[in-house]
Each structure stands twice: as structure tokens, then as C-alpha cells.
Amino acid sequence: MQSYHAAVWLDHVEARIFFFDRDASEVHTLRTTLPHHQLHNKAGTIEGKKNPPDATFYDEVTARLKPAQEWLILGPGSAHDELAAHIRSFHPDLAGRIIGVTTVDHPTDKQIVAHARSFFRAADRMLPLETR
């Protein structure tokens, strides 16, 4: 499906990428190949608390988002912020496509699409015509 807008919901294990227009939507699911576990501090130490971001996973998500011109990045925890930072650092030519980064818990696919449609309706009213 060719679409101007896309939304991605992700955590550290899975990404669900939605391409949609006013009438239809399609979803693609990616899973990381690295095992993810929260690492907790051992008593009396200050070593790392979690695994580093999976750059390969974020590159795959970015590649899947490329057909759309405007992106909304959603998710719980820190993965959505990490993806946005990864795109800004390693794919600066695509960073302008990020229209919003929002924290959301674990919505259904229908809730994600409804939220994204609502978000882009509001965002489109805010953007100058020449950027659309």
C-alpha cells in the first residue's frame, strides 16, 4: 500500500508499522533478532541497567518506513525515543519525516490507526501547504 503517512508502534522486541490513508490500512510486523532482557543492578554496583539499543533492528524499521513521507513513532518505555534518536543520528536525511514521537502503552492495531489518523489530521492543519 502506498501511503503518505505511516505510524510505527515499537518496544524493544517488536515493531508494528502501519501504512494508512483515510479508508484503509496495512500493518507489517518486525521482531528483533537479539534476545532482550532487562538487566538489573547487582547490590552495591552501578553497572548498566539495560541492553544497548539494537541498531540493526532500528535500521530495519527505518527501511520499512521509507515509502511514507510522514512518520509518527509510538511506544511504551524508551524504544520509541531510541528509534527517533537513531534516525536523527544515522539517517539524518530521513529525520525530517518524523512528525511526532509519542508515548503510548499497548493499544490494539485499530487504536493505533485511529490515533495516527487523528494525529495527522491535526498535524496536516499545522503544516504549510508547500511541505505536504
N, C-alpha and C. Protein backbone atom coordinates (compact mmCIF):
# COMPACT_ATOMS: atom_id res chain seq x y z
N MET A 1 0.84 -1.17 0.00
CA MET A 1 0.00 0.00 0.00
C MET A 1 0.90 1.25 0.00
N GLN A 2 0.70 2.12 -0.94
CA GLN A 2 1.39 3.40 -0.96
C GLN A 2 0.62 4.37 -0.08
N SER A 3 1.32 5.04 0.82
CA SER A 3 0.67 5.95 1.73
C SER A 3 1.60 7.10 2.05
N TYR A 4 1.03 8.27 2.25
CA TYR A 4 1.82 9.44 2.62
C TYR A 4 2.21 9.39 4.09
N HIS A 5 1.35 8.75 4.91
CA HIS A 5 1.55 8.69 6.35
C HIS A 5 1.83 7.26 6.82
N ALA A 6 2.68 7.16 7.85
CA ALA A 6 2.94 5.87 8.49
C ALA A 6 3.06 6.10 9.99
N ALA A 7 2.72 5.08 10.73
CA ALA A 7 2.91 5.09 12.18
C ALA A 7 3.62 3.80 12.54
N VAL A 8 4.51 3.88 13.50
CA VAL A 8 5.17 2.68 13.99
C VAL A 8 5.02 2.65 15.50
N TRP A 9 4.53 1.52 16.01
CA TRP A 9 4.49 1.27 17.45
C TRP A 9 5.59 0.25 17.70
N LEU A 10 6.46 0.53 18.66
CA LEU A 10 7.52 -0.43 18.93
C LEU A 10 7.90 -0.45 20.39
N ASP A 11 8.40 -1.63 20.78
CA ASP A 11 9.09 -1.78 22.05
C ASP A 11 10.44 -2.40 21.71
N HIS A 12 11.15 -2.95 22.65
CA HIS A 12 12.49 -3.48 22.37
C HIS A 12 12.47 -4.86 21.71
N VAL A 13 11.29 -5.43 21.51
CA VAL A 13 11.18 -6.77 20.93
C VAL A 13 10.51 -6.75 19.57
N GLU A 14 9.55 -5.86 19.37
CA GLU A 14 8.70 -5.91 18.18
C GLU A 14 8.39 -4.50 17.69
N ALA A 15 8.22 -4.38 16.39
CA ALA A 15 7.74 -3.14 15.77
C ALA A 15 6.57 -3.48 14.88
N ARG A 16 5.49 -2.70 15.00
CA ARG A 16 4.34 -2.84 14.11
C ARG A 16 4.25 -1.54 13.32
N ILE A 17 4.39 -1.66 12.00
CA ILE A 17 4.43 -0.50 11.12
C ILE A 17 3.12 -0.45 10.34
N PHE A 18 2.46 0.71 10.41
CA PHE A 18 1.15 0.90 9.79
C PHE A 18 1.26 1.93 8.69
N PHE A 19 0.81 1.55 7.50
CA PHE A 19 0.63 2.49 6.40
C PHE A 19 -0.87 2.65 6.26
N PHE A 20 -1.33 3.87 6.12
CA PHE A 20 -2.78 4.08 6.12
C PHE A 20 -3.15 5.34 5.36
N ASP A 21 -4.39 5.36 4.93
CA ASP A 21 -4.99 6.57 4.40
C ASP A 21 -6.34 6.70 5.07
N ARG A 22 -7.20 7.50 4.53
CA ARG A 22 -8.49 7.73 5.18
C ARG A 22 -9.35 6.47 5.24
N ASP A 23 -9.21 5.58 4.27
CA ASP A 23 -10.13 4.45 4.16
C ASP A 23 -9.52 3.09 4.49
N ALA A 24 -8.22 2.94 4.38
CA ALA A 24 -7.62 1.61 4.53
C ALA A 24 -6.32 1.71 5.31
N SER A 25 -5.89 0.53 5.79
CA SER A 25 -4.58 0.46 6.46
C SER A 25 -3.99 -0.92 6.25
N GLU A 26 -2.68 -0.98 6.41
CA GLU A 26 -1.99 -2.26 6.31
C GLU A 26 -0.88 -2.23 7.36
N VAL A 27 -0.60 -3.40 7.95
CA VAL A 27 0.38 -3.48 9.02
C VAL A 27 1.47 -4.48 8.66
N HIS A 28 2.70 -4.17 9.05
CA HIS A 28 3.85 -5.06 8.91
C HIS A 28 4.47 -5.22 10.29
N THR A 29 4.87 -6.43 10.63
CA THR A 29 5.46 -6.68 11.94
C THR A 29 6.90 -7.14 11.78
N LEU A 30 7.79 -6.53 12.56
CA LEU A 30 9.20 -6.92 12.61
C LEU A 30 9.52 -7.31 14.04
N ARG A 31 10.39 -8.30 14.18
CA ARG A 31 10.88 -8.68 15.52
C ARG A 31 12.39 -8.58 15.53
N THR A 32 12.92 -8.18 16.66
CA THR A 32 14.37 -8.12 16.80
C THR A 32 14.94 -9.53 16.85
N THR A 33 16.15 -9.68 16.38
CA THR A 33 16.79 -11.00 16.42
C THR A 33 17.60 -11.18 17.69
N LEU A 34 17.82 -10.10 18.42
CA LEU A 34 18.57 -10.20 19.68
C LEU A 34 17.62 -10.49 20.83
N PRO A 35 18.05 -11.33 21.76
CA PRO A 35 17.21 -11.52 22.94
C PRO A 35 17.22 -10.25 23.77
N HIS A 36 16.11 -9.93 24.37
CA HIS A 36 16.04 -8.73 25.20
C HIS A 36 15.69 -9.12 26.62
N HIS A 37 16.50 -8.70 27.52
CA HIS A 37 16.16 -8.85 28.92
C HIS A 37 16.60 -7.60 29.65
N GLN A 38 15.79 -7.20 30.60
CA GLN A 38 16.19 -6.11 31.46
C GLN A 38 17.30 -6.61 32.37
N LEU A 39 18.36 -5.87 32.45
CA LEU A 39 19.44 -6.19 33.36
C LEU A 39 19.30 -5.31 34.58
N HIS A 40 19.36 -5.89 35.73
CA HIS A 40 19.20 -5.13 36.96
C HIS A 40 20.54 -4.97 37.65
N ASN A 41 20.70 -3.87 38.36
CA ASN A 41 21.92 -3.65 39.10
C ASN A 41 22.11 -4.72 40.16
N LYS A 42 23.34 -5.17 40.31
CA LYS A 42 23.66 -6.06 41.41
C LYS A 42 23.86 -5.21 42.64
N ALA A 43 23.60 -5.76 43.78
CA ALA A 43 23.74 -4.99 45.02
C ALA A 43 25.12 -4.37 45.11
N GLY A 44 25.17 -3.07 45.34
CA GLY A 44 26.43 -2.38 45.54
C GLY A 44 27.18 -2.00 44.28
N THR A 45 26.61 -2.23 43.06
CA THR A 45 27.29 -1.84 41.84
C THR A 45 26.44 -0.84 41.08
N ILE A 46 27.06 -0.14 40.14
CA ILE A 46 26.32 0.83 39.34
C ILE A 46 26.46 0.54 37.85
N GLU A 47 26.63 -0.74 37.48
CA GLU A 47 26.75 -1.11 36.08
C GLU A 47 25.43 -0.91 35.35
N GLY A 48 25.47 -1.07 34.03
CA GLY A 48 24.31 -0.81 33.17
C GLY A 48 23.03 -1.47 33.62
N LYS A 49 21.93 -0.80 33.29
CA LYS A 49 20.62 -1.29 33.68
C LYS A 49 19.90 -2.02 32.56
N LYS A 50 20.29 -1.80 31.32
CA LYS A 50 19.59 -2.46 30.22
C LYS A 50 20.53 -2.65 29.05
N ASN A 51 20.11 -3.48 28.11
CA ASN A 51 20.90 -3.72 26.91
C ASN A 51 20.98 -2.44 26.08
N PRO A 52 22.05 -2.26 25.31
CA PRO A 52 22.12 -1.10 24.42
C PRO A 52 21.09 -1.24 23.30
N PRO A 53 20.71 -0.12 22.67
CA PRO A 53 19.74 -0.19 21.58
C PRO A 53 20.23 -1.11 20.45
N ASP A 54 19.30 -1.81 19.82
CA ASP A 54 19.60 -2.73 18.72
C ASP A 54 19.59 -1.94 17.42
N ALA A 55 20.77 -1.46 16.99
CA ALA A 55 20.88 -0.61 15.80
C ALA A 55 20.38 -1.32 14.54
N THR A 56 20.63 -2.61 14.43
CA THR A 56 20.18 -3.36 13.25
C THR A 56 18.65 -3.37 13.17
N PHE A 57 18.01 -3.58 14.29
CA PHE A 57 16.54 -3.56 14.37
C PHE A 57 16.02 -2.19 13.97
N TYR A 58 16.62 -1.12 14.50
CA TYR A 58 16.18 0.23 14.17
C TYR A 58 16.44 0.56 12.70
N ASP A 59 17.51 0.04 12.11
CA ASP A 59 17.76 0.22 10.68
C ASP A 59 16.68 -0.46 9.85
N GLU A 60 16.26 -1.67 10.26
CA GLU A 60 15.20 -2.39 9.54
C GLU A 60 13.88 -1.63 9.62
N VAL A 61 13.55 -1.12 10.80
CA VAL A 61 12.31 -0.35 10.96
C VAL A 61 12.36 0.89 10.07
N THR A 62 13.48 1.59 10.07
CA THR A 62 13.64 2.79 9.25
C THR A 62 13.47 2.47 7.77
N ALA A 63 14.07 1.37 7.32
CA ALA A 63 13.95 0.97 5.92
C ALA A 63 12.50 0.69 5.55
N ARG A 64 11.76 0.06 6.45
CA ARG A 64 10.35 -0.24 6.17
C ARG A 64 9.49 1.02 6.13
N LEU A 65 9.88 2.04 6.90
CA LEU A 65 9.11 3.29 6.92
C LEU A 65 9.33 4.17 5.69
N LYS A 66 10.42 3.95 4.97
CA LYS A 66 10.83 4.85 3.88
C LYS A 66 9.75 5.18 2.84
N PRO A 67 8.86 4.26 2.45
CA PRO A 67 7.87 4.63 1.44
C PRO A 67 6.94 5.78 1.84
N ALA A 68 6.75 5.99 3.14
CA ALA A 68 5.87 7.07 3.59
C ALA A 68 6.68 8.35 3.80
N GLN A 69 6.02 9.48 3.63
CA GLN A 69 6.69 10.77 3.75
C GLN A 69 6.62 11.37 5.15
N GLU A 70 5.63 10.97 5.95
CA GLU A 70 5.49 11.48 7.31
C GLU A 70 5.31 10.31 8.27
N TRP A 71 6.05 10.37 9.39
CA TRP A 71 6.07 9.25 10.32
C TRP A 71 5.67 9.69 11.72
N LEU A 72 4.87 8.86 12.36
CA LEU A 72 4.56 9.01 13.77
C LEU A 72 5.15 7.81 14.48
N ILE A 73 5.96 8.05 15.51
CA ILE A 73 6.63 6.96 16.25
C ILE A 73 5.98 6.87 17.62
N LEU A 74 5.49 5.68 17.95
CA LEU A 74 4.76 5.44 19.20
C LEU A 74 5.36 4.27 19.96
N GLY A 75 5.15 4.26 21.25
CA GLY A 75 5.55 3.08 22.02
C GLY A 75 5.66 3.36 23.50
N PRO A 76 5.75 2.29 24.29
CA PRO A 76 5.96 2.42 25.72
C PRO A 76 7.47 2.48 26.00
N GLY A 77 7.84 2.75 27.19
CA GLY A 77 9.26 2.69 27.56
C GLY A 77 10.09 3.66 26.76
N SER A 78 11.30 3.24 26.39
CA SER A 78 12.24 4.14 25.73
C SER A 78 12.49 3.80 24.27
N ALA A 79 11.96 2.70 23.75
CA ALA A 79 12.28 2.28 22.39
C ALA A 79 11.88 3.31 21.34
N HIS A 80 10.73 3.97 21.52
CA HIS A 80 10.31 4.96 20.52
C HIS A 80 11.25 6.16 20.50
N ASP A 81 11.72 6.58 21.66
CA ASP A 81 12.70 7.67 21.70
C ASP A 81 14.04 7.23 21.12
N GLU A 82 14.43 5.98 21.40
CA GLU A 82 15.68 5.46 20.85
C GLU A 82 15.64 5.39 19.33
N LEU A 83 14.48 4.97 18.77
CA LEU A 83 14.34 4.92 17.30
C LEU A 83 14.46 6.32 16.72
N ALA A 84 13.79 7.30 17.31
CA ALA A 84 13.87 8.67 16.80
C ALA A 84 15.31 9.18 16.87
N ALA A 85 16.00 8.92 17.96
CA ALA A 85 17.40 9.35 18.09
C ALA A 85 18.28 8.64 17.08
N HIS A 86 18.02 7.35 16.84
CA HIS A 86 18.78 6.58 15.86
C HIS A 86 18.60 7.17 14.47
N ILE A 87 17.38 7.48 14.11
CA ILE A 87 17.11 8.05 12.78
C ILE A 87 17.82 9.40 12.65
N ARG A 88 17.73 10.22 13.68
CA ARG A 88 18.38 11.54 13.63
C ARG A 88 19.90 11.43 13.53
N SER A 89 20.47 10.42 14.17
CA SER A 89 21.93 10.26 14.17
C SER A 89 22.46 9.55 12.92
N PHE A 90 21.80 8.46 12.52
CA PHE A 90 22.34 7.61 11.47
C PHE A 90 21.65 7.77 10.12
N HIS A 91 20.49 8.41 10.10
CA HIS A 91 19.75 8.65 8.86
C HIS A 91 19.25 10.09 8.85
N PRO A 92 20.16 11.07 8.96
CA PRO A 92 19.72 12.46 9.08
C PRO A 92 18.91 12.95 7.88
N ASP A 93 19.09 12.34 6.73
CA ASP A 93 18.31 12.72 5.55
C ASP A 93 16.84 12.35 5.71
N LEU A 94 16.52 11.42 6.61
CA LEU A 94 15.14 10.99 6.84
C LEU A 94 14.54 11.60 8.11
N ALA A 95 15.34 12.27 8.89
CA ALA A 95 14.88 12.78 10.19
C ALA A 95 13.72 13.75 10.06
N GLY A 96 13.65 14.50 8.97
CA GLY A 96 12.56 15.44 8.76
C GLY A 96 11.21 14.79 8.55
N ARG A 97 11.20 13.49 8.31
CA ARG A 97 9.94 12.78 8.13
C ARG A 97 9.25 12.48 9.46
N ILE A 98 9.99 12.58 10.55
CA ILE A 98 9.41 12.32 11.87
C ILE A 98 8.56 13.54 12.25
N ILE A 99 7.26 13.34 12.31
CA ILE A 99 6.33 14.41 12.63
C ILE A 99 6.01 14.41 14.12
N GLY A 100 6.07 13.23 14.75
CA GLY A 100 5.78 13.15 16.18
C GLY A 100 6.34 11.89 16.79
N VAL A 101 6.65 11.98 18.09
CA VAL A 101 7.11 10.85 18.88
C VAL A 101 6.26 10.88 20.15
N THR A 102 5.49 9.81 20.37
CA THR A 102 4.51 9.81 21.46
C THR A 102 4.60 8.54 22.28
N THR A 103 4.48 8.69 23.59
CA THR A 103 4.44 7.55 24.49
C THR A 103 3.02 7.02 24.57
N VAL A 104 2.85 5.75 24.25
CA VAL A 104 1.57 5.06 24.42
C VAL A 104 1.88 3.66 24.95
N ASP A 105 0.91 3.07 25.63
CA ASP A 105 1.14 1.77 26.25
C ASP A 105 1.08 0.65 25.22
N HIS A 106 0.08 -0.18 25.27
CA HIS A 106 -0.07 -1.32 24.36
C HIS A 106 -1.46 -1.30 23.72
N PRO A 107 -1.70 -0.34 22.82
CA PRO A 107 -3.01 -0.27 22.17
C PRO A 107 -3.19 -1.38 21.14
N THR A 108 -4.42 -1.58 20.74
CA THR A 108 -4.71 -2.52 19.66
C THR A 108 -4.31 -1.87 18.34
N ASP A 109 -4.25 -2.67 17.28
CA ASP A 109 -3.92 -2.13 15.97
C ASP A 109 -4.94 -1.07 15.54
N LYS A 110 -6.22 -1.32 15.79
CA LYS A 110 -7.25 -0.35 15.42
C LYS A 110 -7.08 0.96 16.19
N GLN A 111 -6.70 0.86 17.46
CA GLN A 111 -6.48 2.07 18.26
C GLN A 111 -5.27 2.86 17.74
N ILE A 112 -4.23 2.15 17.32
CA ILE A 112 -3.05 2.83 16.77
C ILE A 112 -3.42 3.59 15.51
N VAL A 113 -4.13 2.94 14.60
CA VAL A 113 -4.51 3.59 13.34
C VAL A 113 -5.43 4.78 13.61
N ALA A 114 -6.38 4.62 14.52
CA ALA A 114 -7.29 5.74 14.85
C ALA A 114 -6.50 6.91 15.44
N HIS A 115 -5.58 6.62 16.34
CA HIS A 115 -4.76 7.67 16.93
C HIS A 115 -3.91 8.36 15.87
N ALA A 116 -3.30 7.58 14.99
CA ALA A 116 -2.44 8.14 13.95
C ALA A 116 -3.25 9.00 12.97
N ARG A 117 -4.43 8.54 12.58
CA ARG A 117 -5.27 9.34 11.68
C ARG A 117 -5.62 10.67 12.33
N SER A 118 -6.00 10.62 13.60
CA SER A 118 -6.33 11.84 14.33
C SER A 118 -5.11 12.76 14.44
N PHE A 119 -3.96 12.19 14.76
CA PHE A 119 -2.73 12.96 14.87
C PHE A 119 -2.39 13.66 13.56
N PHE A 120 -2.45 12.93 12.46
CA PHE A 120 -2.07 13.53 11.18
C PHE A 120 -3.10 14.53 10.68
N ARG A 121 -4.38 14.34 11.01
CA ARG A 121 -5.37 15.37 10.65
C ARG A 121 -5.00 16.68 11.32
N ALA A 122 -4.64 16.62 12.59
CA ALA A 122 -4.26 17.83 13.33
C ALA A 122 -2.91 18.36 12.81
N ALA A 123 -1.95 17.49 12.58
CA ALA A 123 -0.63 17.92 12.11
C ALA A 123 -0.72 18.53 10.71
N ASP A 124 -1.54 17.96 9.84
CA ASP A 124 -1.67 18.48 8.48
C ASP A 124 -2.22 19.90 8.47
N ARG A 125 -3.08 20.22 9.43
CA ARG A 125 -3.61 21.58 9.52
C ARG A 125 -2.53 22.56 9.96
N MET A 126 -1.51 22.04 10.64
CA MET A 126 -0.45 22.90 11.17
C MET A 126 0.67 23.14 10.16
N LEU A 127 0.83 22.24 9.19
CA LEU A 127 1.95 22.34 8.25
C LEU A 127 1.61 23.28 7.09
N PRO A 128 2.58 24.04 6.62
CA PRO A 128 2.36 24.86 5.43
C PRO A 128 2.10 23.96 4.22
N LEU A 129 1.34 24.43 3.27
CA LEU A 129 0.98 23.62 2.12
C LEU A 129 2.19 23.13 1.33
N GLU A 130 3.25 23.93 1.23
CA GLU A 130 4.38 23.52 0.41
C GLU A 130 5.14 22.34 1.01
N THR A 131 4.95 22.00 2.29
CA THR A 131 5.66 20.86 2.89
C THR A 131 4.90 19.56 2.72
N ARG A 132 3.67 19.62 2.26
CA ARG A 132 2.87 18.39 2.12
C ARG A 132 3.09 17.74 0.79
